[in-house]
PDB file of N, CA and C in Angstrom:
ATOM      1  N   MET A   1     123.202 151.599  25.990  1.00  0.00           N
ATOM      2  CA  MET A   1     123.487 151.108  26.904  1.00  0.00           C
ATOM      3  C   MET A   1     122.358 150.346  27.849  1.00  0.00           C
ATOM      4  N   PRO A   2     122.176 148.941  28.085  1.00  0.00           N
ATOM      5  CA  PRO A   2     121.174 147.763  28.442  1.00  0.00           C
ATOM      6  C   PRO A   2     120.616 148.910  29.959  1.00  0.00           C
ATOM      7  N   LYS A   3     119.365 148.512  29.920  1.00  0.00           N
ATOM      8  CA  LYS A   3     118.766 148.837  31.435  1.00  0.00           C
ATOM      9  C   LYS A   3     119.153 148.159  32.281  1.00  0.00           C
ATOM     10  N   LYS A   4     119.304 148.822  33.511  1.00  0.00           N
ATOM     11  CA  LYS A   4     119.879 147.644  35.158  1.00  0.00           C
ATOM     12  C   LYS A   4     117.901 147.048  35.374  1.00  0.00           C
ATOM     13  N   THR A   5     118.072 145.999  35.309  1.00  0.00           N
ATOM     14  CA  THR A   5     116.815 145.376  35.936  1.00  0.00           C
ATOM     15  C   THR A   5     117.165 145.136  37.735  1.00  0.00           C
ATOM     16  N   LYS A   6     115.513 145.574  38.165  1.00  0.00           N
ATOM     17  CA  LYS A   6     115.607 145.224  39.868  1.00  0.00           C
ATOM     18  C   LYS A   6     115.873 144.304  40.455  1.00  0.00           C
ATOM     19  N   LYS A   7     116.632 143.983  41.516  1.00  0.00           N
ATOM     20  CA  LYS A   7     116.640 142.533  41.781  1.00  0.00           C
ATOM     21  C   LYS A   7     115.079 142.347  42.690  1.00  0.00           C
ATOM     22  N   VAL A   8     114.570 141.282  42.989  1.00  0.00           N
ATOM     23  CA  VAL A   8     113.688 141.564  44.016  1.00  0.00           C
ATOM     24  C   VAL A   8     114.081 140.491  44.696  1.00  0.00           C
ATOM     25  N   GLU A   9     114.258 140.491  45.850  1.00  0.00           N
ATOM     26  CA  GLU A   9     114.446 139.945  47.343  1.00  0.00           C
ATOM     27  C   GLU A   9     113.462 139.262  47.604  1.00  0.00           C
ATOM     28  N   THR A  10     113.626 137.725  47.909  1.00  0.00           N
ATOM     29  CA  THR A  10     112.553 136.686  48.283  1.00  0.00           C
ATOM     30  C   THR A  10     112.521 137.272  49.849  1.00  0.00           C
ATOM     31  N   ILE A  11     111.601 137.505  50.268  1.00  0.00           N
ATOM     32  CA  ILE A  11     111.235 137.238  51.684  1.00  0.00           C
ATOM     33  C   ILE A  11     110.605 136.110  52.188  1.00  0.00           C
ATOM     34  N   LEU A  12     111.441 135.728  54.038  1.00  0.00           N
ATOM     35  CA  LEU A  12     110.891 134.037  53.789  1.00  0.00           C
ATOM     36  C   LEU A  12     110.468 134.069  55.385  1.00  0.00           C
ATOM     37  N   ARG A  13     109.030 133.796  55.983  1.00  0.00           N
ATOM     38  CA  ARG A  13     108.598 133.699  57.110  1.00  0.00           C
ATOM     39  C   ARG A  13     108.626 133.007  57.571  1.00  0.00           C
ATOM     40  N   ILE A  14     109.810 132.552  58.781  1.00  0.00           N
ATOM     41  CA  ILE A  14     109.903 131.530  59.862  1.00  0.00           C
ATOM     42  C   ILE A  14     109.452 131.764  60.836  1.00  0.00           C
ATOM     43  N   THR A  15     108.647 130.940  61.278  1.00  0.00           N
ATOM     44  CA  THR A  15     107.932 130.559  62.392  1.00  0.00           C
ATOM     45  C   THR A  15     108.615 129.302  63.210  1.00  0.00           C
ATOM     46  N   LEU A  16     108.967 129.413  64.480  1.00  0.00           N
ATOM     47  CA  LEU A  16     109.107 128.361  65.723  1.00  0.00           C
ATOM     48  C   LEU A  16     107.709 126.986  65.628  1.00  0.00           C
ATOM     49  N   VAL A  17     107.547 126.566  65.603  1.00  0.00           N
ATOM     50  CA  VAL A  17     106.688 125.330  65.638  1.00  0.00           C
ATOM     51  C   VAL A  17     107.242 124.515  66.740  1.00  0.00           C
ATOM     52  N   LYS A  18     108.270 123.965  67.078  1.00  0.00           N
ATOM     53  CA  LYS A  18     108.390 122.969  67.597  1.00  0.00           C
ATOM     54  C   LYS A  18     109.818 123.417  68.460  1.00  0.00           C
ATOM     55  N   SER A  19     109.400 123.137  69.992  1.00  0.00           N
ATOM     56  CA  SER A  19     111.033 123.184  70.976  1.00  0.00           C
ATOM     57  C   SER A  19     111.945 122.824  70.726  1.00  0.00           C
ATOM     58  N   PRO A  20     113.245 123.848  70.765  1.00  0.00           N
ATOM     59  CA  PRO A  20     114.304 123.270  70.912  1.00  0.00           C
ATOM     60  C   PRO A  20     115.292 122.480  72.100  1.00  0.00           C
ATOM     61  N   ILE A  21     113.909 122.226  72.736  1.00  0.00           N
ATOM     62  CA  ILE A  21     114.457 121.764  74.262  1.00  0.00           C
ATOM     63  C   ILE A  21     114.343 120.083  73.917  1.00  0.00           C
ATOM     64  N   GLY A  22     115.637 119.362  74.037  1.00  0.00           N
ATOM     65  CA  GLY A  22     115.933 118.226  73.887  1.00  0.00           C
ATOM     66  C   GLY A  22     116.638 117.963  72.730  1.00  0.00           C
ATOM     67  N   TYR A  23     117.016 118.980  71.320  1.00  0.00           N
ATOM     68  CA  TYR A  23     117.822 118.725  70.688  1.00  0.00           C
ATOM     69  C   TYR A  23     119.269 119.194  70.810  1.00  0.00           C
ATOM     70  N   SER A  24     120.046 119.076  69.983  1.00  0.00           N
ATOM     71  CA  SER A  24     121.687 119.680  70.746  1.00  0.00           C
ATOM     72  C   SER A  24     121.966 121.089  70.672  1.00  0.00           C
ATOM     73  N   GLN A  25     122.908 121.776  71.242  1.00  0.00           N
ATOM     74  CA  GLN A  25     123.176 122.995  71.791  1.00  0.00           C
ATOM     75  C   GLN A  25     123.430 123.634  70.285  1.00  0.00           C
ATOM     76  N   LYS A  26     123.729 122.951  69.194  1.00  0.00           N
ATOM     77  CA  LYS A  26     124.024 123.722  67.935  1.00  0.00           C
ATOM     78  C   LYS A  26     122.574 123.834  66.973  1.00  0.00           C
ATOM     79  N   HIS A  27     121.822 123.305  67.399  1.00  0.00           N
ATOM     80  CA  HIS A  27     120.410 123.499  67.257  1.00  0.00           C
ATOM     81  C   HIS A  27     119.630 124.795  67.853  1.00  0.00           C
ATOM     82  N   LYS A  28     119.982 124.524  69.141  1.00  0.00           N
ATOM     83  CA  LYS A  28     119.466 125.518  70.058  1.00  0.00           C
ATOM     84  C   LYS A  28     120.149 126.881  69.325  1.00  0.00           C
ATOM     85  N   ASP A  29     120.787 127.003  69.334  1.00  0.00           N
ATOM     86  CA  ASP A  29     121.608 128.647  68.920  1.00  0.00           C
ATOM     87  C   ASP A  29     121.586 129.066  67.822  1.00  0.00           C
ATOM     88  N   THR A  30     121.343 128.127  66.404  1.00  0.00           N
ATOM     89  CA  THR A  30     120.540 128.209  65.318  1.00  0.00           C
ATOM     90  C   THR A  30     119.697 128.997  65.381  1.00  0.00           C
ATOM     91  N   ILE A  31     118.524 128.528  66.132  1.00  0.00           N
ATOM     92  CA  ILE A  31     117.097 128.654  66.935  1.00  0.00           C
ATOM     93  C   ILE A  31     117.373 130.438  66.814  1.00  0.00           C
ATOM     94  N   ARG A  32     118.331 130.806  67.386  1.00  0.00           N
ATOM     95  CA  ARG A  32     118.714 132.158  68.348  1.00  0.00           C
ATOM     96  C   ARG A  32     118.682 132.804  68.072  1.00  0.00           C
ATOM     97  N   ALA A  33     119.923 132.454  66.383  1.00  0.00           N
ATOM     98  CA  ALA A  33     120.496 133.537  65.645  1.00  0.00           C
ATOM     99  C   ALA A  33     119.578 133.325  64.626  1.00  0.00           C
ATOM    100  N   LEU A  34     118.655 132.864  64.653  1.00  0.00           N
ATOM    101  CA  LEU A  34     117.566 133.198  63.273  1.00  0.00           C
ATOM    102  C   LEU A  34     116.647 134.386  64.446  1.00  0.00           C
ATOM    103  N   GLY A  35     116.715 134.809  65.063  1.00  0.00           N
ATOM    104  CA  GLY A  35     115.953 135.399  66.065  1.00  0.00           C
ATOM    105  C   GLY A  35     114.697 135.288  66.498  1.00  0.00           C
ATOM    106  N   LEU A  36     114.837 133.589  67.111  1.00  0.00           N
ATOM    107  CA  LEU A  36     113.228 132.924  67.582  1.00  0.00           C
ATOM    108  C   LEU A  36     113.837 132.987  68.709  1.00  0.00           C
ATOM    109  N   HIS A  37     112.721 133.303  70.021  1.00  0.00           N
ATOM    110  CA  HIS A  37     112.534 133.170  71.145  1.00  0.00           C
ATOM    111  C   HIS A  37     112.009 132.131  71.406  1.00  0.00           C
ATOM    112  N   ARG A  38     110.999 132.556  71.242  1.00  0.00           N
ATOM    113  CA  ARG A  38     109.181 131.633  71.656  1.00  0.00           C
ATOM    114  C   ARG A  38     108.466 131.076  70.549  1.00  0.00           C
ATOM    115  N   MET A  39     108.088 129.971  71.099  1.00  0.00           N
ATOM    116  CA  MET A  39     106.819 129.360  70.229  1.00  0.00           C
ATOM    117  C   MET A  39     106.142 130.319  69.468  1.00  0.00           C
ATOM    118  N   ARG A  40     106.137 129.542  68.275  1.00  0.00           N
ATOM    119  CA  ARG A  40     105.177 130.112  67.617  1.00  0.00           C
ATOM    120  C   ARG A  40     105.301 131.660  66.489  1.00  0.00           C
ATOM    121  N   GLN A  41     106.328 132.293  67.290  1.00  0.00           N
ATOM    122  CA  GLN A  41     106.867 133.561  66.814  1.00  0.00           C
ATOM    123  C   GLN A  41     107.350 133.161  65.731  1.00  0.00           C
ATOM    124  N   THR A  42     107.242 134.192  65.184  1.00  0.00           N
ATOM    125  CA  THR A  42     107.381 134.594  63.245  1.00  0.00           C
ATOM    126  C   THR A  42     108.594 135.894  63.013  1.00  0.00           C
ATOM    127  N   VAL A  43     109.768 135.172  62.427  1.00  0.00           N
ATOM    128  CA  VAL A  43     110.528 136.391  61.946  1.00  0.00           C
ATOM    129  C   VAL A  43     110.727 136.575  60.380  1.00  0.00           C
ATOM    130  N   GLU A  44     110.513 137.830  59.794  1.00  0.00           N
ATOM    131  CA  GLU A  44     110.775 137.777  58.409  1.00  0.00           C
ATOM    132  C   GLU A  44     112.686 137.982  58.079  1.00  0.00           C
ATOM    133  N   HIS A  45     113.227 137.316  56.908  1.00  0.00           N
ATOM    134  CA  HIS A  45     114.526 137.587  56.882  1.00  0.00           C
ATOM    135  C   HIS A  45     114.486 137.620  54.777  1.00  0.00           C
ATOM    136  N   VAL A  46     115.162 138.372  54.733  1.00  0.00           N
ATOM    137  CA  VAL A  46     115.803 137.975  53.332  1.00  0.00           C
ATOM    138  C   VAL A  46     116.872 136.744  52.937  1.00  0.00           C
ATOM    139  N   ASP A  47     116.176 135.874  52.039  1.00  0.00           N
ATOM    140  CA  ASP A  47     116.775 134.603  51.587  1.00  0.00           C
ATOM    141  C   ASP A  47     118.164 134.978  50.687  1.00  0.00           C
ATOM    142  N   SER A  48     118.791 133.919  51.337  1.00  0.00           N
ATOM    143  CA  SER A  48     120.172 134.173  51.409  1.00  0.00           C
ATOM    144  C   SER A  48     120.470 132.759  51.291  1.00  0.00           C
ATOM    145  N   LEU A  49     121.803 132.161  51.155  1.00  0.00           N
ATOM    146  CA  LEU A  49     122.431 131.073  51.224  1.00  0.00           C
ATOM    147  C   LEU A  49     122.922 130.386  52.051  1.00  0.00           C
ATOM    148  N   SER A  50     123.293 131.517  53.566  1.00  0.00           N
ATOM    149  CA  SER A  50     123.870 131.335  54.565  1.00  0.00           C
ATOM    150  C   SER A  50     122.454 130.936  55.079  1.00  0.00           C
ATOM    151  N   LEU A  51     121.124 131.745  54.909  1.00  0.00           N
ATOM    152  CA  LEU A  51     119.735 131.665  55.840  1.00  0.00           C
ATOM    153  C   LEU A  51     119.515 130.467  55.043  1.00  0.00           C
ATOM    154  N   ARG A  52     119.219 129.767  54.512  1.00  0.00           N
ATOM    155  CA  ARG A  52     119.172 128.264  53.826  1.00  0.00           C
ATOM    156  C   ARG A  52     119.586 127.409  54.120  1.00  0.00           C
ATOM    157  N   GLY A  53     120.876 127.287  54.459  1.00  0.00           N
ATOM    158  CA  GLY A  53     121.957 126.512  54.963  1.00  0.00           C
ATOM    159  C   GLY A  53     121.678 126.173  56.752  1.00  0.00           C
ATOM    160  N   MET A  54     121.037 127.515  57.393  1.00  0.00           N
ATOM    161  CA  MET A  54     120.591 127.381  58.742  1.00  0.00           C
ATOM    162  C   MET A  54     119.386 126.722  58.884  1.00  0.00           C
ATOM    163  N   LEU A  55     118.269 127.271  58.108  1.00  0.00           N
ATOM    164  CA  LEU A  55     117.234 126.619  57.959  1.00  0.00           C
ATOM    165  C   LEU A  55     117.281 124.496  57.777  1.00  0.00           C
ATOM    166  N   SER A  56     118.017 124.573  57.065  1.00  0.00           N
ATOM    167  CA  SER A  56     118.417 123.357  56.893  1.00  0.00           C
ATOM    168  C   SER A  56     118.166 122.014  58.365  1.00  0.00           C
ATOM    169  N   LYS A  57     119.473 122.744  58.759  1.00  0.00           N
ATOM    170  CA  LYS A  57     119.705 122.498  60.109  1.00  0.00           C
ATOM    171  C   LYS A  57     118.826 121.888  61.008  1.00  0.00           C
ATOM    172  N   VAL A  58     117.647 123.212  61.406  1.00  0.00           N
ATOM    173  CA  VAL A  58     116.349 123.056  61.801  1.00  0.00           C
ATOM    174  C   VAL A  58     115.320 123.221  61.496  1.00  0.00           C
ATOM    175  N   ALA A  59     115.022 122.767  60.314  1.00  0.00           N
ATOM    176  CA  ALA A  59     113.653 122.359  59.541  1.00  0.00           C
ATOM    177  C   ALA A  59     113.240 121.785  60.394  1.00  0.00           C
ATOM    178  N   HIS A  60     113.399 120.600  61.143  1.00  0.00           N
ATOM    179  CA  HIS A  60     112.022 119.877  61.452  1.00  0.00           C
ATOM    180  C   HIS A  60     111.850 120.977  62.895  1.00  0.00           C
ATOM    181  N   LEU A  61     112.156 121.948  63.059  1.00  0.00           N
ATOM    182  CA  LEU A  61     111.802 122.500  64.207  1.00  0.00           C
ATOM    183  C   LEU A  61     110.964 124.280  63.771  1.00  0.00           C
ATOM    184  N   VAL A  62     111.141 124.184  62.160  1.00  0.00           N
ATOM    185  CA  VAL A  62     110.232 125.754  61.485  1.00  0.00           C
ATOM    186  C   VAL A  62     109.713 125.530  60.992  1.00  0.00           C
ATOM    187  N   ASN A  63     108.766 126.177  60.281  1.00  0.00           N
ATOM    188  CA  ASN A  63     107.648 126.429  59.227  1.00  0.00           C
ATOM    189  C   ASN A  63     108.625 127.668  58.785  1.00  0.00           C
ATOM    190  N   VAL A  64     108.810 127.452  57.153  1.00  0.00           N
ATOM    191  CA  VAL A  64     109.150 128.388  56.438  1.00  0.00           C
ATOM    192  C   VAL A  64     108.279 128.638  55.305  1.00  0.00           C
ATOM    193  N   GLU A  65     107.789 130.180  54.802  1.00  0.00           N
ATOM    194  CA  GLU A  65     106.613 130.436  53.793  1.00  0.00           C
ATOM    195  C   GLU A  65     107.586 131.672  52.778  1.00  0.00           C
ATOM    196  N   GLU A  66     107.333 131.325  51.981  1.00  0.00           N
ATOM    197  CA  GLU A  66     107.408 132.853  50.781  1.00  0.00           C
ATOM    198  C   GLU A  66     106.996 133.869  50.990  1.00  0.00           C
ATOM    199  N   LYS A  67     107.278 135.357  51.347  1.00  0.00           N
ATOM    200  CA  LYS A  67     106.227 136.260  51.442  1.00  0.00           C
ATOM    201  C   LYS A  67     106.082 136.569  50.267  1.00  0.00           C
TER     202      LYS A  67
END
């Protein structure tokens, strides 16, 4: 029987580095959905395709690091 391999989940550390004021409501809603509320706040999420899509929409407002 083949051995099961553990799937290593990549954690992304997302930091809000620019204010969403002056940008569209969709950008503000995306920032809020990521769990970011104030400048320089950092949140960690498990990497997924939906998360990558959200990050591509607001890439100019956030800094993303792999943990």
